[in-house]
Each structure stands twice: as C-alpha cells, then as structure tokens.
Amino acid sequence: YEIMPSLVGSEMCIRDSDIVVNGLKRLEYRGYDSAGVIVEGGDNNFELKKTKGKVADLVSISKDLEGTAHVGMGHTRWATHGVPSDRNSHPHLSNNGKIAIIHNGIIENYDTIKTMLIEKGFTFASDTDTEVLVNLIQYVMDTQNVDFPTAVRYALNEVYGAYAITVMHKDHPGLLVVGRLGSPLAIGIGEDEYFVASDASPFVEFTKEAIYLEDGHMATISLEKGIEIRAIVDNSVVIPEVQELKLSLEQIEKGGYEHFMLKEIFEQPKSIHDTMRGRLLVDEGIIKMAGIWDYLDKFTKAERIIIVACGTSWHAGLIGEYLIEEFARIPVEVEYASEFRYRNPIITNKDIVIAISQSGETADTMAAIKLAKERGAFIFGICNVVDSSISRFSDAGAYTHAGPEIGVASTKAFTAQLTILSLLALKLGKHNGNLSNVDFMRLITELDAIPKKIEDVLASTHDYVKNMAKDFVSASNFLYLGRGYNFPAALEGALKLKEISYIHAEGYPAAEMKHGPIALIDENMPIVIIAPRKGHYDKIVSNVQEIKARKGKVISIVNKGDEQVSAMSDYVIEIPETSECFSPIVASIPLQILAYYIAVYRGVNVDQPRNLAKSVTVE
C-alpha cells in the first residue's frame, strides 16, 4: 500500500519537486516506511531520489533536484511487498530506464508476470510487485508497437488486484498516465496545472476543483490536451464529473497542538455537534436524515441488519448493534469485514448492510459490501470522506462531519460514527413505534447535550489524566473492562493504547474477567474499568471488589459524585452522567487522552505509530 502526489504544471516550474514533497508530507499519515520523488530533468532525463524512512529523510537528499521541466511525482510507502528499504522505495524504473511508476495497492498475480518477464530477460532490483508492473508496461511497448498510454492500459488489463498508479515516460515529456482499481485517486484541476493524489489534501491550497477517478478508469493528463479519461477494459471515453472540494488548508494543519491526535481529541465537541447539525432538531422533536427518511420502508421491513467494519469502526458497529436492537428492535449482526466475505455468508434482499469506514476506502469493507450487493442486500454507508469509494457504492448513507482525521489512531471519527448510529437507531425506533414520544424526546435531548458534556470532560479531566499517565509509562499490559454499551468502549480504549503506545492491552466484558483474564491480575496490572451509574453498576462494583482482592491497580471512569467504585479505585476519572446508551461517547474521551499521554511519555510517534496506516486500501 502506497501513497502518491503527482503534478503537471506550467507556471509552477519545478522546484515543483518542493510541491510534490510537501504533498507527501500531507499524505504521510497514510504510509511512512519510505519515500521518493522523481521529476523531469533536462534532455528528457529523470531526476530520482528515494530513501527508506520518512519524508523528512527524503527532504534532506532531494534538495539538489533541479527539475527544469514541469512534471513530477512522489510517493510515501506503507510496505506490502518487500521490507522498507532504499531499493523497495518508489518510484520504480523499467529495465530500459525510460518508464517510472508509483503505485498504491497490491498486484496479486505479480509472481506469474514476474516469472514470464524473467524468462524474457528482464531483471529486478526490488522485491516489489510494483516493479513487475512497470516492466510489464515496457514489455508491452517493446512487443506490441503501441503508444505509451495504450501500453499502460494493456498492462493493467493483465493484472489482478488493487492499484492506483501514476506513470511517466522519458520519451513523452509533459505527460502523466494514471489509473485506478480499488485504491483511491483524485485529480486536482488548477488554472495551469493538474495534481494527482490519493486524496485532495496535497493540493487543497492550489485548487478547489477535483475529479475522483472511478474504479476501472484511467486518465492521460498533459498541459497540451488536458485530461482525457477512458475505461481500462475497452478504451471507451468517460465524461468526468468535476467536484468542488470542501476541504480547507486550516483543517489539515495542527493548529498549535503538538500532535494531530490531541487536536482531534479536542475537536470532538465540534465534530459531534456538526454531525448532528441539521439532523437533530430537538425543538421540533424530529430527526431529519435524508439517507434514512427516503428508505424508511426498507429499514422497517428489513429482517436483519448486518454491520460490516474494521478496527475502530467495528467497535462503533458493536455499539450500533446495542442501539438498534434496543430502540428499533431489528436484529443486528456485526461482522469483521475482513472475515465476512470469506465465510460464504447468508445474505438476502431482505437484509440491510451498514458499512462503517472513516476513509470510505477500506478495502476489506468495500469487498464485503460488493459481495452483499451482488446478493441483493441494501447498502447503507457511514463514512467521513465525501465522494469516497464506499459512499459512492452505497445505495444510501450518512456522512459523519468530523472533518479530516490525520492521526492514525481514530478519535473524533469514532465518536461521530456513534452519533450517526444513535440518530439512526432513535429515528427507526420512533418510526416503528418502539420508542414512545416521551422516551424519544428524553433521548434526543440528552444526545443534543453530549457536545457540552464532552467540553466539560476535556476541561475537567485533561490535566489529571495527563499527570496520572506518567505512572504507566513502564506498564507492559493493561486490561479494560466494561459492561453493556461500555464493553465495546473498553475494546476501543484498549485498541487506542496498543496502537500508539505499543503496550499490550485487552478489552473484556467485565463479567467475563473471572473466566480467564483474572489470572493475569496482580499488583502490577493496571485495570481500566468503565463504571457509570446507569448500566449494571452493582455488578461492576462486584467486579472491582474481585480485582482489589487480587491487588490489581484500578483506574475507574465514574460519574461525578460516585462513592462506591471511587472508594476502591487507585485513580478516579469523573465524567458527567448521561443515558447508558450515550455513555460510550463520553467515556471514550478520557480513554483517548490516557492513551495519548502514555504514548507521548514513552517517546513514540503518536500520529504515525509503527506498522500502521490511516487508510488500509489493501486486503
């Protein structure tokens, strides 16, 4: 999996390499094992620099690029084929040195093609599948007497897998050929320049217009002819839709915070409010969501709802299951998208599949909903990125309005997803008569108050949690416990800690502790327990007593004024009281802060934790 920004420009003469490298910095949150840049130099030559490591390492070796022409492309990598190294870094060149490529995705049949090319005399300098593709393009040009764009199209018709590619050729200066299948690719349209990237963030200050290339399409981009888009399969002409970008430069900057993750934690009152704005109308006593309203009959008659997601979005889905089954009384199953399509699931046209993905590009989730749609299910997407692949593929859906989330560990996207799922469950429950008007009004009033409660949590707990985090820098294991709605919140809290601090952590239903995890508890084991008053409080008290009897170190999240659990705890974090169904939203905030500061004190890269990428577009 890799990321690219590319550029064709006239007024922006390269040092356009600076523009490309700055674009890589914007995309580094999606992959940061290695980086490279290539530009057209004089006499139709390439100037290429690449290295293992982060974009900062590339900056230090690319300062001498002259770049007298107007085309360049760069790349920051999350390794799939081949370990992070200089030789596996992109861009890759063909054997004849004339073709350069950068690639996001996986070529699944690379080994068969590589064997054929070796038999034809080709050699390989890397372990990547990408180098196989660029040499296949050369082979097509050598043997079939076709032009450069046609050779790219022919080669793409021979490969299986997922890709977003950008290709340059020495004999075709001023031209980029791009294509996509399964991996995102956006084309920015400036006045005298074009940009290509995995998302719009690298070129947002240069243009507000973009084309999102569809699956199975390729484009040739040049100043002379502009953009021409064709289908990869049959070369038919495609008329693109130009979209206005909603992204702003301010949204993708840190805004004075040390890390994006901390900024995004503190943005949650606003992101939740923005997600409810125009949808939750408490004064009118209604929830207004077009994606649901237009298909209420479909939801009401559904025999089952299946939620598919990965990682943090899967945890949101688990809470969504509790919400929908309690309020709408529709059976719900929550599936890991990566497992769903491989177990031959039973799906019918009476099922609704809800796909949850921050990026809207998660390959496993996309594959799962494609399977579900083939079998007749109705697809409802919950995404944070406008015009993402999942949002375009879905029959209906709802955007979260969290704004760009740059930190790899999801924070504000998670709570925004819970907000959408709450609105969905309450809307359906009211519509089908399972929620009385009194209960509906009470719940939507409480939901409307959540942003203010999160403001209170941030103000009252931040400094306390920041200081207590110092006591856990040397911990090697954590246990997170919750019951009911807060069991998935415990799973999410544990995931945040292990993602960014590299401390092993497990989330468990509190009642299951005695069926195994209790064996781990001693005076060195920190146990985080989510214990609001509403929801199994007496049972939680018993669980804490079991922990203290074994000398466990208890970190409790309780409502203000709590006495029983607080008295038995070593550390107490107080949060405002709310309905049990909304408590995971509020309780998640101090868990995020705890994970953040433990990671900071351990000296790790909070925004770019090792081995992880923000948007996983490979299966």
Foldseek 3Di string as FASTA:
>chain_A
DKKKKKKQFDVCQPCCCCLRLLLQVLACLFAWQWKKKWAQDPPLAIDIDIFGGGSVVRVVVCPPDDRRHGIMMMMGHQDDFAHRGRQAYDFDAAPVRFKTKDKDWAFPCLVVLVVVVVVVPGDGRGRGSNRSLNNQLVVCCVPPVDDNLLSNLVSVVVTDTWIWMWMGGSVDPQKIKIATALQWWKWFDAPGMIMIISDCLSCQVGGQKIWTDDHQKMWMAGSVPGIWIAGSPPRHTDDTDIDGHPADNVLSDCVPDPDLLVVLLVCQLVLQCVLQPPQQDLVVLGGDDCLCVVCVVLVLQAQEEEEEEDDLQLLLVVLLQLLQCQQQVHHYHYDHLQVQVVPPDDEALSYEYEYEDAQLSFASSVVSVVVNVVRNHQYEYEYADPPRPNCVPHPGYGYRPSGDRQFLQDDSSSLSSNSVSNSVNLNNSVVVVVADSVRSSQQSVLSSCVSVLLVVLCVPCLVVLLVVLVVCLPAQEEEEEEADSCQSLSQSLQSLQCQQQVRHYHGDHLVCCVVPVLVVAALRYEYEYEAEPADCNVVVLVSLVSRVVRNGAYEYEYAPPDDRSVVSHPHYRHGHDGHPSSVSSNVNSSSNSSSQSSSVVNPTDRRRGPSGGRHNSYD
